[in-house]
Amino acid sequence: METNAENSKGTAQTVKRDNASYLRREVAVRLVHAYFQGALLESADRIPFDMRPKDSEATFRCCVFKERAILRQRCISALGFSVEEDDEYKPLSQYAKEALERERPEEPVLTFVDIACQGCVKARYMVTEYCQGCLARPCLTNCPFGAVSIIGRKSHIDSHTCKNCGRCMDSCPYQAIIKLHVPCEEACPVGAIRKTESGRAEIDFDKCTACGRCMRACPFGAIMERSQILDVARRLVEREKPLVALIAPAIVGQFPYPIEKICGALLQLGFDHILTVAAGADKTAVFEAEEFIERMRRGERFMTTSCCPAYVTTAKKHIPELLPFVSETPTPMNYTAKEAKRRYPNCISVFIGPCVAKRAEGLRDESVDYVLTFEELGSLFAAADIEGADVADYFCDAPASALGVGFPVTGGVANAVKTIVENNVDNDPSLAEIDVKPICVDGLSPNGIRMLRTYATKECPGNLVEIMTCEGGCVGGAGALGEPKKATREIKKLVEASPPLPDLQ
């Protein structure tokens, strides 16, 4: 079997989102393949050298020696360890040995590969060669800080005086002024990425919400997650306890096969049982609707959803005044994991979804043993040489309603709660007095956080606020394989084919 991800079959290679994510998957495939072959400890130290032989050309750094150093740290992350604590004298084989011996991974779930960071220039506004030196000079007259001057009949921005307000860019009739972004900083909604004295970035874990958006945004792949892929691979090989896969509804559209093929591939991989988290979403929708009704009857102004763990962490760390409004209903992952433990006592539950923050939630949930992203699942399929088109179909025995299936798309949670409240008016006529007015926050941003703070302290224009940290909803998560818009279309097709309302009997 080939050990290079590029030569693995199509299940893991449905989307080559970019070279950084592709390289991350190649490292994971090589490590897991070596483990499946019983040769991880013997071959771990060779992986950076196998990927960049001495006679090869450097592809993303100055030389193969630096690329090997970066690949070594990528291996450390893929083995589930923090690169920040790397002992450069410690061989990868020792890391692999410790990974196979640990009982449970640890937080934080993200790690920073310092040597991979390019040290991007500080975010700022810059005048380009398209400046025409016009008579109006609106950039000069609109700058409230006096940071714009005219030098040689061209505009010039003093970076020391500039406050990055953007008025110069907005007022330029030639669009000659641009903003230089730092991708990881721009993606982080809570300001958890900061520059060190060396100019490289680092993660402030006291602020970090583990959303993973910085990981997806960094074009150098300098931010990675501490993977649990080897932990799951070990359980698949040891077979000491039954393994239950908990598949998030966002899995639709992530692979070029229907859901029954994906489930069949999971069984071939070694999972004993499969539960759909959409069924857990049905429970969340019902109980969150009940909680919403109770809160409205108590006279509370509004309630926010609680399904997105990155948002809940954002509220705890950055908007504490919003916490009284956050729903206390458990997440679909929690309900599904509890169901797995009830049905299959002593089982190992593995949540599989698009969200990096779910890994942090899973580490705090005693019913969840491990969390994999769709990207990691693709790597497992490739390492085991499983091609989805060749496996037998498998249909989960607990189909979910359209409401639960629609959870991973922005507006899905709010729609589910609203639908359940309105459909129970016949059973409880007093519910007609509750007017559900949903608001959806599609992707958190600094402005969005300020808006939520205003909702908590002043006035909220609605009474049911759904917050998705990632734009588009869960389908835009950092661990997704598929393109979000395509995944959304596939989910909507499944929604149309599903029963309209939950049946929890």
Foldseek 3Di string as FASTA:
>chain_A
DDLFLVPFDCQLPVFCPDVLLNLLLSLLLNQLLCVVVVRNLVCVQCVLCVVQPQPDADDQDDGSVLSSVLSQLSNLLSLQDASVPDDVVDGSSVSNVVSLVDQAGDDDFKHFQQSLFPLDDDKDKFFAPQFPLDPVQQLQVVDPQNQWDADPSGIGGNPVRDPRPCRSCVPDPRSRMDIDDDQLCQQDFFRQWDADPVSGIDGNVLRALQQCSSCLRHNSNRMDTRHCLVVVSSCQVVVPAAEEEEEELLCQQQGPDGPQLVVLLVVVLRHDYYHYLLLLLQVLLVVQLVVLVVCVVVVHAAAEEDQASSVQVCCVRPVVLCVVRYDPRDYSVLSVLVVVCVVGPPYAYEYEAQGRSVQVVLVVRPSHRYYHYSSSVSSSCRSVSHDSVPGDTDDHPFDWALLSSQQQFWPSSLVSSQVVLVVCCVVPVVSVVDDFFEDEAFARHNVNSVVSSCVSPPNDPGHYYYYANHGRGRNRGSRGNGDSVSSNVSSVVVSVVGHHHGDPD
